[in-house]
Amino acid sequence: MNQDDVWLTSAQVRARQGAISEMTLWRWTRDPRISFPPPDDIRNGRKYWRLSTILEWEVARTSSAEAA
């Protein structure tokens, strides 16, 4: 983890992915075809992702789409 990395809430992650619903995010984290990363941390029942984790997934997803 980069020390300058930013933590994103579930709402921020959902907004970044095109205003998807909480249910869609839940499904994505369980669908092996999508391979959306699980939260990096869960505190008090709230999910948090590192921005770098989301960026890595976006790059991998874009790369696999271009290869197809």
C-alpha atoms as a PDB file:
ATOM      1  CA  MET A   1       0.000   0.000   0.000  1.00  0.00           C
ATOM      2  CA  ASN A   2       1.180   3.450  -0.887  1.00  0.00           C
ATOM      3  CA  GLN A   3       1.250   5.750   2.148  1.00  0.00           C
ATOM      4  CA  ASP A   4      -0.531   8.368   0.048  1.00  0.00           C
ATOM      5  CA  ASP A   5      -3.303   5.919  -0.825  1.00  0.00           C
ATOM      6  CA  VAL A   6      -6.852   7.100  -0.243  1.00  0.00           C
ATOM      7  CA  TRP A   7      -9.574   5.055   1.436  1.00  0.00           C
ATOM      8  CA  LEU A   8     -12.913   4.933  -0.377  1.00  0.00           C
ATOM      9  CA  THR A   9     -16.243   4.173   1.218  1.00  0.00           C
ATOM     10  CA  SER A  10     -18.745   1.844  -0.385  1.00  0.00           C
ATOM     11  CA  ALA A  11     -20.721   4.872  -1.603  1.00  0.00           C
ATOM     12  CA  GLN A  12     -17.614   6.361  -3.227  1.00  0.00           C
ATOM     13  CA  VAL A  13     -16.756   3.066  -4.922  1.00  0.00           C
ATOM     14  CA  ARG A  14     -20.319   2.715  -6.202  1.00  0.00           C
ATOM     15  CA  ALA A  15     -20.301   6.284  -7.542  1.00  0.00           C
ATOM     16  CA  ARG A  16     -16.972   5.681  -9.254  1.00  0.00           C
ATOM     17  CA  GLN A  17     -18.404   2.636 -11.020  1.00  0.00           C
ATOM     18  CA  GLY A  18     -21.311   4.568 -12.498  1.00  0.00           C
ATOM     19  CA  ALA A  19     -23.676   4.962  -9.552  1.00  0.00           C
ATOM     20  CA  ILE A  20     -24.233   1.224  -9.171  1.00  0.00           C
ATOM     21  CA  SER A  21     -26.441  -0.005  -6.355  1.00  0.00           C
ATOM     22  CA  GLU A  22     -25.253  -1.617  -3.143  1.00  0.00           C
ATOM     23  CA  MET A  23     -26.732  -4.901  -4.405  1.00  0.00           C
ATOM     24  CA  THR A  24     -24.759  -4.673  -7.648  1.00  0.00           C
ATOM     25  CA  LEU A  25     -21.552  -4.085  -5.711  1.00  0.00           C
ATOM     26  CA  TRP A  26     -22.366  -7.077  -3.496  1.00  0.00           C
ATOM     27  CA  ARG A  27     -22.938  -9.246  -6.586  1.00  0.00           C
ATOM     28  CA  TRP A  28     -19.755  -8.043  -8.268  1.00  0.00           C
ATOM     29  CA  THR A  29     -17.638  -9.029  -5.264  1.00  0.00           C
ATOM     30  CA  ARG A  30     -19.060 -12.558  -5.475  1.00  0.00           C
ATOM     31  CA  ASP A  31     -18.965 -13.067  -9.248  1.00  0.00           C
ATOM     32  CA  PRO A  32     -15.694 -14.702 -10.349  1.00  0.00           C
ATOM     33  CA  ARG A  33     -16.217 -13.452 -13.913  1.00  0.00           C
ATOM     34  CA  ILE A  34     -16.072  -9.844 -12.706  1.00  0.00           C
ATOM     35  CA  SER A  35     -13.393 -10.387 -10.037  1.00  0.00           C
ATOM     36  CA  PHE A  36     -14.238  -7.175  -8.214  1.00  0.00           C
ATOM     37  CA  PRO A  37     -11.939  -6.939  -5.195  1.00  0.00           C
ATOM     38  CA  PRO A  38     -13.342  -7.475  -1.726  1.00  0.00           C
ATOM     39  CA  PRO A  39     -13.063  -4.568   0.710  1.00  0.00           C
ATOM     40  CA  ASP A  40      -9.562  -3.906   2.013  1.00  0.00           C
ATOM     41  CA  ASP A  41     -11.000  -3.192   5.438  1.00  0.00           C
ATOM     42  CA  ILE A  42     -14.289  -3.461   7.267  1.00  0.00           C
ATOM     43  CA  ARG A  43     -14.716  -1.218  10.301  1.00  0.00           C
ATOM     44  CA  ASN A  44     -17.896  -1.107  12.344  1.00  0.00           C
ATOM     45  CA  GLY A  45     -19.691  -2.947   9.561  1.00  0.00           C
ATOM     46  CA  ARG A  46     -18.621  -0.400   6.930  1.00  0.00           C
ATOM     47  CA  LYS A  47     -16.599  -1.430   3.904  1.00  0.00           C
ATOM     48  CA  TYR A  48     -13.538   0.451   2.691  1.00  0.00           C
ATOM     49  CA  TRP A  49     -11.364  -0.010  -0.383  1.00  0.00           C
ATOM     50  CA  ARG A  50      -8.004   1.528  -1.141  1.00  0.00           C
ATOM     51  CA  LEU A  51      -8.089   3.662  -4.260  1.00  0.00           C
ATOM     52  CA  SER A  52      -5.078   1.694  -5.551  1.00  0.00           C
ATOM     53  CA  THR A  53      -7.073  -1.547  -5.255  1.00  0.00           C
ATOM     54  CA  ILE A  54      -9.899  -0.111  -7.353  1.00  0.00           C
ATOM     55  CA  LEU A  55      -7.484   1.362  -9.899  1.00  0.00           C
ATOM     56  CA  GLU A  56      -5.734  -2.014 -10.301  1.00  0.00           C
ATOM     57  CA  TRP A  57      -9.093  -3.701 -10.919  1.00  0.00           C
ATOM     58  CA  GLU A  58     -10.120  -1.035 -13.443  1.00  0.00           C
ATOM     59  CA  VAL A  59      -6.847  -1.393 -15.355  1.00  0.00           C
ATOM     60  CA  ALA A  60      -7.098  -5.192 -15.367  1.00  0.00           C
ATOM     61  CA  ARG A  61     -10.722  -5.015 -16.491  1.00  0.00           C
ATOM     62  CA  THR A  62      -9.865  -2.599 -19.303  1.00  0.00           C
ATOM     63  CA  SER A  63      -6.915  -4.747 -20.396  1.00  0.00           C
ATOM     64  CA  SER A  64      -9.023  -7.903 -20.535  1.00  0.00           C
ATOM     65  CA  ALA A  65     -11.758  -6.102 -22.499  1.00  0.00           C
ATOM     66  CA  GLU A  66      -9.240  -4.872 -25.062  1.00  0.00           C
ATOM     67  CA  ALA A  67      -7.811  -8.369 -25.441  1.00  0.00           C
ATOM     68  CA  ALA A  68     -11.229  -9.841 -26.245  1.00  0.00           C
END
